[in-house]
Amino acid sequence: MKNLRKIIALFAFIFVIGIYLTIRTVNTSLNKIETPKETVEIQKDTTNLLKAKKKIKTV
């Protein structure tokens, strides 16, 4: 009977430690600081625009 209590206590201890580590891991992943995303302005090349205008036929 003493061995059964020791086994149950050991499993309960492992269970509590597992829950604690899981909660700590989830909290640290949720509390990450997001780095601001850098926006880049895209400019079209004028040569490509001129080529596109030449290809378009007016009716």
N, C-alpha and C. Protein backbone atom coordinates (compact mmCIF):
# COMPACT_ATOMS: atom_id res chain seq x y z
N MET A 1 0.82 -1.19 0.00
CA MET A 1 0.00 0.00 0.00
C MET A 1 0.87 1.26 0.00
N LYS A 2 2.01 1.19 0.70
CA LYS A 2 2.90 2.35 0.73
C LYS A 2 3.48 2.62 -0.66
N ASN A 3 3.80 1.52 -1.38
CA ASN A 3 4.36 1.69 -2.72
C ASN A 3 3.34 2.30 -3.66
N LEU A 4 2.07 1.93 -3.51
CA LEU A 4 1.03 2.48 -4.36
C LEU A 4 0.89 3.99 -4.13
N ARG A 5 0.97 4.41 -2.89
CA ARG A 5 0.89 5.84 -2.58
C ARG A 5 2.08 6.60 -3.15
N LYS A 6 3.26 6.00 -3.10
CA LYS A 6 4.45 6.63 -3.67
C LYS A 6 4.31 6.78 -5.18
N ILE A 7 3.79 5.75 -5.84
CA ILE A 7 3.61 5.79 -7.29
C ILE A 7 2.58 6.85 -7.67
N ILE A 8 1.48 6.90 -6.93
CA ILE A 8 0.45 7.91 -7.21
C ILE A 8 1.01 9.31 -6.97
N ALA A 9 1.77 9.51 -5.92
CA ALA A 9 2.37 10.81 -5.63
C ALA A 9 3.37 11.20 -6.72
N LEU A 10 4.13 10.23 -7.20
CA LEU A 10 5.09 10.51 -8.27
C LEU A 10 4.38 10.94 -9.54
N PHE A 11 3.34 10.23 -9.94
CA PHE A 11 2.58 10.60 -11.14
C PHE A 11 1.89 11.94 -10.98
N ALA A 12 1.37 12.23 -9.78
CA ALA A 12 0.73 13.52 -9.54
C ALA A 12 1.77 14.64 -9.65
N PHE A 13 2.95 14.41 -9.12
CA PHE A 13 4.02 15.41 -9.19
C PHE A 13 4.43 15.66 -10.65
N ILE A 14 4.60 14.59 -11.42
CA ILE A 14 4.96 14.73 -12.83
C ILE A 14 3.85 15.45 -13.59
N PHE A 15 2.60 15.16 -13.28
CA PHE A 15 1.45 15.80 -13.92
C PHE A 15 1.43 17.29 -13.65
N VAL A 16 1.64 17.69 -12.41
CA VAL A 16 1.64 19.11 -12.03
C VAL A 16 2.80 19.83 -12.70
N ILE A 17 3.97 19.22 -12.73
CA ILE A 17 5.12 19.84 -13.38
C ILE A 17 4.85 20.00 -14.88
N GLY A 18 4.23 19.03 -15.51
CA GLY A 18 3.90 19.10 -16.93
C GLY A 18 2.94 20.22 -17.23
N ILE A 19 1.92 20.38 -16.41
CA ILE A 19 0.96 21.48 -16.59
C ILE A 19 1.66 22.82 -16.42
N TYR A 20 2.52 22.94 -15.42
CA TYR A 20 3.24 24.19 -15.19
C TYR A 20 4.13 24.54 -16.38
N LEU A 21 4.87 23.58 -16.90
CA LEU A 21 5.75 23.84 -18.04
C LEU A 21 4.96 24.19 -19.29
N THR A 22 3.81 23.55 -19.49
CA THR A 22 2.98 23.85 -20.65
C THR A 22 2.44 25.27 -20.58
N ILE A 23 1.95 25.68 -19.43
CA ILE A 23 1.42 27.04 -19.27
C ILE A 23 2.52 28.06 -19.46
N ARG A 24 3.70 27.79 -18.91
CA ARG A 24 4.82 28.72 -19.06
C ARG A 24 5.26 28.85 -20.51
N THR A 25 5.27 27.75 -21.24
CA THR A 25 5.66 27.78 -22.64
C THR A 25 4.65 28.55 -23.48
N VAL A 26 3.37 28.33 -23.23
CA VAL A 26 2.34 29.04 -23.98
C VAL A 26 2.39 30.53 -23.68
N ASN A 27 2.57 30.91 -22.44
CA ASN A 27 2.63 32.33 -22.09
C ASN A 27 3.82 33.02 -22.72
N THR A 28 4.98 32.36 -22.75
CA THR A 28 6.14 33.00 -23.35
C THR A 28 5.97 33.14 -24.85
N SER A 29 5.29 32.19 -25.49
CA SER A 29 5.09 32.32 -26.93
C SER A 29 4.05 33.39 -27.25
N LEU A 30 3.10 33.62 -26.38
CA LEU A 30 2.09 34.65 -26.60
C LEU A 30 2.61 36.05 -26.29
N ASN A 31 3.62 36.16 -25.45
CA ASN A 31 4.13 37.46 -25.03
C ASN A 31 5.33 37.93 -25.85
N LYS A 32 5.55 37.33 -27.01
CA LYS A 32 6.67 37.77 -27.83
C LYS A 32 6.42 39.17 -28.34
N ILE A 33 7.49 39.96 -28.38
CA ILE A 33 7.40 41.32 -28.89
C ILE A 33 7.49 41.26 -30.41
N GLU A 34 6.48 41.81 -31.05
CA GLU A 34 6.47 41.79 -32.50
C GLU A 34 7.31 42.94 -33.02
N THR A 35 8.19 42.62 -33.94
CA THR A 35 9.01 43.67 -34.54
C THR A 35 8.18 44.38 -35.60
N PRO A 36 8.27 45.69 -35.64
CA PRO A 36 7.48 46.42 -36.65
C PRO A 36 7.94 46.04 -38.05
N LYS A 37 6.97 45.83 -38.91
CA LYS A 37 7.29 45.45 -40.28
C LYS A 37 7.64 46.71 -41.08
N GLU A 38 8.69 46.60 -41.83
CA GLU A 38 9.15 47.73 -42.62
C GLU A 38 8.43 47.71 -43.96
N THR A 39 7.81 48.82 -44.29
CA THR A 39 7.10 48.90 -45.56
C THR A 39 8.05 49.43 -46.62
N VAL A 40 8.00 48.82 -47.76
CA VAL A 40 8.86 49.22 -48.86
C VAL A 40 7.98 49.69 -49.99
N GLU A 41 8.28 50.88 -50.50
CA GLU A 41 7.50 51.43 -51.59
C GLU A 41 8.06 50.90 -52.91
N ILE A 42 7.19 50.34 -53.70
CA ILE A 42 7.60 49.77 -54.97
C ILE A 42 7.34 50.78 -56.07
N GLN A 43 8.35 51.03 -56.85
CA GLN A 43 8.22 51.97 -57.96
C GLN A 43 8.37 51.18 -59.26
N LYS A 44 7.50 51.47 -60.20
CA LYS A 44 7.54 50.78 -61.48
C LYS A 44 8.63 51.39 -62.35
N ASP A 45 9.26 50.53 -63.09
CA ASP A 45 10.31 50.97 -63.99
C ASP A 45 9.68 51.66 -65.20
N THR A 46 10.21 52.82 -65.58
CA THR A 46 9.62 53.58 -66.69
C THR A 46 9.79 52.85 -68.02
N THR A 47 10.87 52.09 -68.16
CA THR A 47 11.05 51.38 -69.44
C THR A 47 9.98 50.32 -69.62
N ASN A 48 9.61 49.67 -68.54
CA ASN A 48 8.54 48.67 -68.64
C ASN A 48 7.21 49.34 -68.98
N LEU A 49 6.98 50.51 -68.43
CA LEU A 49 5.73 51.23 -68.73
C LEU A 49 5.69 51.66 -70.19
N LEU A 50 6.82 52.11 -70.70
CA LEU A 50 6.87 52.54 -72.10
C LEU A 50 6.65 51.35 -73.04
N LYS A 51 7.23 50.20 -72.70
CA LYS A 51 7.03 49.00 -73.52
C LYS A 51 5.58 48.57 -73.48
N ALA A 52 4.94 48.70 -72.34
CA ALA A 52 3.55 48.30 -72.21
C ALA A 52 2.66 49.23 -73.03
N LYS A 53 2.98 50.50 -73.08
CA LYS A 53 2.19 51.46 -73.85
C LYS A 53 2.31 51.17 -75.34
N LYS A 54 3.48 50.75 -75.78
CA LYS A 54 3.68 50.44 -77.19
C LYS A 54 2.87 49.21 -77.61
N LYS A 55 2.71 48.26 -76.70
CA LYS A 55 1.99 47.03 -77.02
C LYS A 55 0.49 47.25 -77.09
N ILE A 56 -0.02 48.24 -76.37
CA ILE A 56 -1.45 48.50 -76.34
C ILE A 56 -1.83 49.25 -77.62
N LYS A 57 -2.77 48.70 -78.35
CA LYS A 57 -3.21 49.34 -79.58
C LYS A 57 -4.52 50.09 -79.29
N THR A 58 -4.61 51.29 -79.77
CA THR A 58 -5.83 52.06 -79.61
C THR A 58 -6.74 51.79 -80.79
N VAL A 59 -8.01 51.68 -80.53
CA VAL A 59 -8.99 51.36 -81.58
C VAL A 59 -9.58 52.62 -82.14
